[in-house]
Amino acid sequence: MSNQHPITPPPELVQEWCHQEGDEIKTSPRWFQIVATQAARWGADQELEACCEWIYDWYGNRSGEVVGNLIAHRRPRPPSLKEQALTELEEILDELHDTPGSAFTTDAIRRALEALDD
């Protein structure tokens, strides 16, 4: 029986992380942060994958939506540039509504943003 924790990165992967940022002095705080961050992300991804597999095994064909929601919640994607622009446009409109007599409209800008692909 092995004493190794089930979420231990393979030595080859650790070696890759250690040299990913070039030949920086391996005792710098920045280097330790890079390797520790990579290891934490890798371990979290392994755990999420194991949880998803368990859900698939337990619920079978009914698990697709649950797993999809779990992944979407635990690994949310950052907003696209389009989504960011639409959010900022809303903020601009909110500010303008507080300005008396403003006739500024953003209909054309909104339509142009909405026409873009995500």
N, C-alpha and C. Protein backbone atom coordinates (compact mmCIF):
# COMPACT_ATOMS: atom_id res chain seq x y z
N MET A 1 0.84 -1.18 0.00
CA MET A 1 0.00 0.00 0.00
C MET A 1 0.89 1.25 0.00
N SER A 2 0.50 2.24 -0.78
CA SER A 2 1.29 3.45 -0.92
C SER A 2 0.90 4.47 0.13
N ASN A 3 1.89 5.21 0.63
CA ASN A 3 1.63 6.29 1.57
C ASN A 3 1.41 7.62 0.86
N GLN A 4 1.45 7.59 -0.46
CA GLN A 4 1.30 8.82 -1.24
C GLN A 4 -0.17 9.24 -1.26
N HIS A 5 -0.40 10.52 -1.05
CA HIS A 5 -1.76 11.08 -1.10
C HIS A 5 -2.31 10.91 -2.51
N PRO A 6 -3.62 10.64 -2.67
CA PRO A 6 -4.16 10.40 -4.01
C PRO A 6 -4.07 11.62 -4.93
N ILE A 7 -3.96 12.81 -4.38
CA ILE A 7 -3.81 13.99 -5.23
C ILE A 7 -2.38 14.51 -5.08
N THR A 8 -1.46 13.75 -5.65
CA THR A 8 -0.05 14.13 -5.68
C THR A 8 0.37 14.20 -7.13
N PRO A 9 0.83 15.36 -7.57
CA PRO A 9 1.20 15.47 -8.98
C PRO A 9 2.37 14.57 -9.33
N PRO A 10 2.36 14.04 -10.54
CA PRO A 10 3.48 13.20 -10.97
C PRO A 10 4.77 14.02 -11.01
N PRO A 11 5.90 13.41 -10.72
CA PRO A 11 7.18 14.14 -10.71
C PRO A 11 7.46 14.88 -12.02
N GLU A 12 7.06 14.29 -13.15
CA GLU A 12 7.30 14.93 -14.44
C GLU A 12 6.56 16.27 -14.54
N LEU A 13 5.34 16.31 -14.00
CA LEU A 13 4.54 17.53 -14.04
C LEU A 13 5.15 18.60 -13.13
N VAL A 14 5.62 18.19 -11.96
CA VAL A 14 6.27 19.13 -11.05
C VAL A 14 7.53 19.69 -11.72
N GLN A 15 8.27 18.83 -12.39
CA GLN A 15 9.48 19.26 -13.10
C GLN A 15 9.12 20.30 -14.17
N GLU A 16 8.03 20.06 -14.89
CA GLU A 16 7.58 21.01 -15.91
C GLU A 16 7.23 22.36 -15.27
N TRP A 17 6.52 22.34 -14.16
CA TRP A 17 6.15 23.59 -13.48
C TRP A 17 7.40 24.34 -13.02
N CYS A 18 8.39 23.60 -12.55
CA CYS A 18 9.60 24.23 -12.03
C CYS A 18 10.37 24.98 -13.11
N HIS A 19 10.25 24.56 -14.35
CA HIS A 19 11.00 25.19 -15.44
C HIS A 19 10.11 26.00 -16.36
N GLN A 20 8.85 26.13 -16.02
CA GLN A 20 7.89 26.82 -16.87
C GLN A 20 8.23 28.30 -17.04
N GLU A 21 8.75 28.93 -16.04
CA GLU A 21 9.05 30.36 -16.08
C GLU A 21 10.52 30.62 -16.39
N GLY A 22 11.17 29.70 -17.04
CA GLY A 22 12.57 29.89 -17.39
C GLY A 22 13.50 29.43 -16.28
N ASP A 23 14.68 29.96 -16.29
CA ASP A 23 15.70 29.53 -15.33
C ASP A 23 15.85 30.52 -14.19
N GLU A 24 14.73 30.98 -13.70
CA GLU A 24 14.74 31.92 -12.57
C GLU A 24 15.36 31.22 -11.36
N ILE A 25 15.95 32.01 -10.48
CA ILE A 25 16.53 31.45 -9.26
C ILE A 25 15.43 30.71 -8.50
N LYS A 26 15.64 29.47 -8.23
CA LYS A 26 14.59 28.60 -7.69
C LYS A 26 14.28 28.83 -6.22
N THR A 27 14.86 29.86 -5.62
CA THR A 27 14.54 30.16 -4.24
C THR A 27 13.77 31.46 -4.11
N SER A 28 13.42 32.08 -5.23
CA SER A 28 12.71 33.35 -5.15
C SER A 28 11.27 33.13 -4.73
N PRO A 29 10.70 34.07 -3.98
CA PRO A 29 9.29 33.95 -3.59
C PRO A 29 8.36 33.86 -4.80
N ARG A 30 8.69 34.57 -5.86
CA ARG A 30 7.84 34.52 -7.08
C ARG A 30 7.82 33.10 -7.64
N TRP A 31 8.96 32.45 -7.69
CA TRP A 31 9.03 31.09 -8.22
C TRP A 31 8.22 30.13 -7.36
N PHE A 32 8.36 30.23 -6.04
CA PHE A 32 7.57 29.37 -5.16
C PHE A 32 6.07 29.60 -5.36
N GLN A 33 5.67 30.86 -5.54
CA GLN A 33 4.26 31.19 -5.76
C GLN A 33 3.74 30.55 -7.04
N ILE A 34 4.54 30.61 -8.09
CA ILE A 34 4.14 30.02 -9.38
C ILE A 34 3.93 28.52 -9.25
N VAL A 35 4.89 27.84 -8.65
CA VAL A 35 4.80 26.38 -8.52
C VAL A 35 3.66 25.99 -7.57
N ALA A 36 3.52 26.70 -6.47
CA ALA A 36 2.44 26.40 -5.52
C ALA A 36 1.07 26.62 -6.16
N THR A 37 0.94 27.68 -6.93
CA THR A 37 -0.33 27.96 -7.60
C THR A 37 -0.66 26.87 -8.61
N GLN A 38 0.32 26.47 -9.40
CA GLN A 38 0.10 25.39 -10.37
C GLN A 38 -0.33 24.11 -9.66
N ALA A 39 0.35 23.78 -8.56
CA ALA A 39 0.03 22.56 -7.82
C ALA A 39 -1.38 22.63 -7.23
N ALA A 40 -1.76 23.78 -6.68
CA ALA A 40 -3.10 23.93 -6.11
C ALA A 40 -4.16 23.79 -7.19
N ARG A 41 -3.95 24.41 -8.33
CA ARG A 41 -4.92 24.30 -9.44
C ARG A 41 -5.03 22.87 -9.92
N TRP A 42 -3.91 22.22 -10.07
CA TRP A 42 -3.91 20.84 -10.55
C TRP A 42 -4.68 19.95 -9.56
N GLY A 43 -4.39 20.11 -8.27
CA GLY A 43 -5.08 19.30 -7.26
C GLY A 43 -6.58 19.57 -7.24
N ALA A 44 -6.96 20.84 -7.35
CA ALA A 44 -8.39 21.18 -7.36
C ALA A 44 -9.07 20.59 -8.59
N ASP A 45 -8.39 20.61 -9.73
CA ASP A 45 -8.96 20.03 -10.94
C ASP A 45 -9.11 18.52 -10.81
N GLN A 46 -8.13 17.87 -10.17
CA GLN A 46 -8.22 16.43 -9.95
C GLN A 46 -9.41 16.09 -9.06
N GLU A 47 -9.60 16.88 -8.01
CA GLU A 47 -10.72 16.66 -7.09
C GLU A 47 -12.05 16.87 -7.78
N LEU A 48 -12.17 17.94 -8.58
CA LEU A 48 -13.41 18.20 -9.30
C LEU A 48 -13.70 17.06 -10.28
N GLU A 49 -12.68 16.60 -10.97
CA GLU A 49 -12.87 15.49 -11.91
C GLU A 49 -13.33 14.23 -11.18
N ALA A 50 -12.75 13.96 -10.02
CA ALA A 50 -13.16 12.78 -9.23
C ALA A 50 -14.61 12.92 -8.76
N CYS A 51 -15.00 14.13 -8.36
CA CYS A 51 -16.39 14.36 -7.93
C CYS A 51 -17.35 14.14 -9.10
N CYS A 52 -16.98 14.64 -10.26
CA CYS A 52 -17.83 14.47 -11.44
C CYS A 52 -17.97 12.99 -11.80
N GLU A 53 -16.87 12.26 -11.73
CA GLU A 53 -16.93 10.82 -12.01
C GLU A 53 -17.83 10.10 -11.00
N TRP A 54 -17.74 10.48 -9.73
CA TRP A 54 -18.59 9.88 -8.71
C TRP A 54 -20.06 10.16 -9.01
N ILE A 55 -20.37 11.39 -9.39
CA ILE A 55 -21.75 11.75 -9.72
C ILE A 55 -22.22 10.92 -10.91
N TYR A 56 -21.39 10.78 -11.94
CA TYR A 56 -21.75 9.96 -13.10
C TYR A 56 -22.03 8.52 -12.68
N ASP A 57 -21.14 7.98 -11.83
CA ASP A 57 -21.32 6.59 -11.38
C ASP A 57 -22.60 6.43 -10.56
N TRP A 58 -22.90 7.39 -9.73
CA TRP A 58 -24.05 7.31 -8.83
C TRP A 58 -25.37 7.53 -9.56
N TYR A 59 -25.43 8.55 -10.41
CA TYR A 59 -26.69 8.95 -11.05
C TYR A 59 -26.85 8.49 -12.49
N GLY A 60 -25.79 7.99 -13.09
CA GLY A 60 -25.88 7.49 -14.45
C GLY A 60 -26.28 8.56 -15.45
N ASN A 61 -27.23 8.22 -16.33
CA ASN A 61 -27.63 9.12 -17.42
C ASN A 61 -28.26 10.42 -16.93
N ARG A 62 -28.78 10.44 -15.71
CA ARG A 62 -29.43 11.66 -15.20
C ARG A 62 -28.42 12.67 -14.66
N SER A 63 -27.14 12.37 -14.72
CA SER A 63 -26.14 13.20 -14.05
C SER A 63 -25.62 14.35 -14.90
N GLY A 64 -25.89 14.36 -16.19
CA GLY A 64 -25.30 15.36 -17.07
C GLY A 64 -25.53 16.79 -16.63
N GLU A 65 -26.76 17.13 -16.28
CA GLU A 65 -27.07 18.50 -15.88
C GLU A 65 -26.40 18.85 -14.55
N VAL A 66 -26.39 17.91 -13.62
CA VAL A 66 -25.78 18.15 -12.31
C VAL A 66 -24.28 18.39 -12.48
N VAL A 67 -23.62 17.56 -13.25
CA VAL A 67 -22.18 17.72 -13.47
C VAL A 67 -21.89 19.02 -14.20
N GLY A 68 -22.69 19.33 -15.20
CA GLY A 68 -22.51 20.59 -15.93
C GLY A 68 -22.65 21.80 -15.01
N ASN A 69 -23.65 21.76 -14.14
CA ASN A 69 -23.83 22.86 -13.19
C ASN A 69 -22.69 22.94 -12.18
N LEU A 70 -22.22 21.79 -11.72
CA LEU A 70 -21.11 21.76 -10.78
C LEU A 70 -19.85 22.37 -11.40
N ILE A 71 -19.53 21.97 -12.61
CA ILE A 71 -18.35 22.51 -13.29
C ILE A 71 -18.52 24.00 -13.55
N ALA A 72 -19.69 24.41 -14.00
CA ALA A 72 -19.94 25.83 -14.27
C ALA A 72 -19.80 26.66 -13.00
N HIS A 73 -20.23 26.10 -11.88
CA HIS A 73 -20.16 26.84 -10.61
C HIS A 73 -18.74 26.87 -10.04
N ARG A 74 -18.03 25.73 -10.13
CA ARG A 74 -16.71 25.65 -9.51
C ARG A 74 -15.58 26.13 -10.43
N ARG A 75 -15.83 26.19 -11.74
CA ARG A 75 -14.84 26.69 -12.70
C ARG A 75 -15.50 27.68 -13.64
N PRO A 76 -16.01 28.79 -13.07
CA PRO A 76 -16.71 29.75 -13.92
C PRO A 76 -15.74 30.37 -14.92
N ARG A 77 -16.25 30.59 -16.11
CA ARG A 77 -15.40 31.22 -17.12
C ARG A 77 -15.47 32.73 -16.93
N PRO A 78 -14.38 33.41 -17.21
CA PRO A 78 -14.41 34.86 -17.07
C PRO A 78 -15.34 35.46 -18.13
N PRO A 79 -15.95 36.62 -17.84
CA PRO A 79 -16.85 37.22 -18.82
C PRO A 79 -16.10 37.59 -20.10
N SER A 80 -16.77 37.43 -21.22
CA SER A 80 -16.17 37.79 -22.50
C SER A 80 -16.02 39.30 -22.58
N LEU A 81 -15.25 39.75 -23.54
CA LEU A 81 -15.09 41.19 -23.75
C LEU A 81 -16.45 41.82 -24.06
N LYS A 82 -17.28 41.11 -24.81
CA LYS A 82 -18.62 41.60 -25.13
C LYS A 82 -19.45 41.77 -23.85
N GLU A 83 -19.42 40.76 -22.97
CA GLU A 83 -20.17 40.84 -21.72
C GLU A 83 -19.65 41.98 -20.84
N GLN A 84 -18.35 42.16 -20.80
CA GLN A 84 -17.77 43.25 -20.02
C GLN A 84 -18.22 44.60 -20.56
N ALA A 85 -18.22 44.74 -21.90
CA ALA A 85 -18.61 46.01 -22.52
C ALA A 85 -20.08 46.31 -22.25
N LEU A 86 -20.95 45.30 -22.33
CA LEU A 86 -22.37 45.52 -22.06
C LEU A 86 -22.60 45.92 -20.60
N THR A 87 -21.85 45.32 -19.70
CA THR A 87 -21.96 45.69 -18.28
C THR A 87 -21.53 47.14 -18.07
N GLU A 88 -20.42 47.52 -18.69
CA GLU A 88 -19.94 48.90 -18.55
C GLU A 88 -20.92 49.88 -19.18
N LEU A 89 -21.54 49.48 -20.28
CA LEU A 89 -22.55 50.34 -20.92
C LEU A 89 -23.72 50.57 -19.98
N GLU A 90 -24.15 49.52 -19.27
CA GLU A 90 -25.23 49.67 -18.28
C GLU A 90 -24.83 50.65 -17.18
N GLU A 91 -23.57 50.56 -16.75
CA GLU A 91 -23.09 51.47 -15.70
C GLU A 91 -23.10 52.92 -16.20
N ILE A 92 -22.71 53.13 -17.46
CA ILE A 92 -22.74 54.47 -18.05
C ILE A 92 -24.17 54.99 -18.09
N LEU A 93 -25.09 54.13 -18.51
CA LEU A 93 -26.50 54.55 -18.56
C LEU A 93 -27.03 54.90 -17.19
N ASP A 94 -26.67 54.12 -16.18
CA ASP A 94 -27.10 54.43 -14.82
C ASP A 94 -26.61 55.80 -14.39
N GLU A 95 -25.36 56.11 -14.72
CA GLU A 95 -24.80 57.43 -14.38
C GLU A 95 -25.55 58.54 -15.12
N LEU A 96 -25.86 58.31 -16.39
CA LEU A 96 -26.52 59.34 -17.20
C LEU A 96 -27.96 59.59 -16.75
N HIS A 97 -28.60 58.56 -16.26
CA HIS A 97 -29.98 58.75 -15.79
C HIS A 97 -30.04 59.67 -14.58
N ASP A 98 -28.92 59.75 -13.87
CA ASP A 98 -28.85 60.66 -12.72
C ASP A 98 -28.51 62.09 -13.13
N THR A 99 -28.24 62.29 -14.45
CA THR A 99 -27.90 63.62 -14.96
C THR A 99 -29.15 64.24 -15.57
N PRO A 100 -29.68 65.30 -14.98
CA PRO A 100 -30.90 65.93 -15.51
C PRO A 100 -30.67 66.49 -16.92
N GLY A 101 -31.65 66.26 -17.80
CA GLY A 101 -31.62 66.81 -19.14
C GLY A 101 -30.73 66.07 -20.12
N SER A 102 -30.20 64.91 -19.77
CA SER A 102 -29.33 64.17 -20.68
C SER A 102 -30.16 63.50 -21.77
N ALA A 103 -29.80 63.75 -23.02
CA ALA A 103 -30.50 63.15 -24.15
C ALA A 103 -29.65 62.06 -24.81
N PHE A 104 -28.61 61.67 -24.16
CA PHE A 104 -27.68 60.67 -24.68
C PHE A 104 -28.34 59.29 -24.72
N THR A 105 -28.24 58.60 -25.85
CA THR A 105 -28.77 57.24 -25.95
C THR A 105 -27.64 56.29 -26.35
N THR A 106 -27.84 55.05 -26.04
CA THR A 106 -26.81 54.04 -26.34
C THR A 106 -27.37 52.91 -27.18
N ASP A 107 -28.50 53.13 -27.83
CA ASP A 107 -29.14 52.05 -28.59
C ASP A 107 -28.21 51.48 -29.66
N ALA A 108 -27.55 52.34 -30.43
CA ALA A 108 -26.67 51.87 -31.50
C ALA A 108 -25.47 51.12 -30.92
N ILE A 109 -24.92 51.63 -29.84
CA ILE A 109 -23.78 50.96 -29.20
C ILE A 109 -24.20 49.59 -28.70
N ARG A 110 -25.36 49.51 -28.05
CA ARG A 110 -25.85 48.23 -27.52
C ARG A 110 -26.08 47.23 -28.65
N ARG A 111 -26.73 47.67 -29.73
CA ARG A 111 -27.00 46.76 -30.87
C ARG A 111 -25.68 46.26 -31.47
N ALA A 112 -24.69 47.15 -31.58
CA ALA A 112 -23.39 46.74 -32.13
C ALA A 112 -22.72 45.72 -31.23
N LEU A 113 -22.75 45.95 -29.94
CA LEU A 113 -22.15 44.98 -29.00
C LEU A 113 -22.87 43.65 -29.03
N GLU A 114 -24.19 43.69 -29.04
CA GLU A 114 -24.97 42.45 -29.05
C GLU A 114 -24.79 41.65 -30.34
N ALA A 115 -24.42 42.33 -31.42
CA ALA A 115 -24.21 41.65 -32.70
C ALA A 115 -22.89 40.89 -32.73
N LEU A 116 -21.97 41.25 -31.85
CA LEU A 116 -20.67 40.58 -31.82
C LEU A 116 -20.78 39.15 -31.29
N ASP A 117 -19.92 38.29 -31.78
CA ASP A 117 -19.83 36.94 -31.24
C ASP A 117 -19.18 37.00 -29.87
N ASP A 118 -19.55 36.03 -28.99
CA ASP A 118 -18.91 35.97 -27.67
C ASP A 118 -17.56 35.46 -27.84
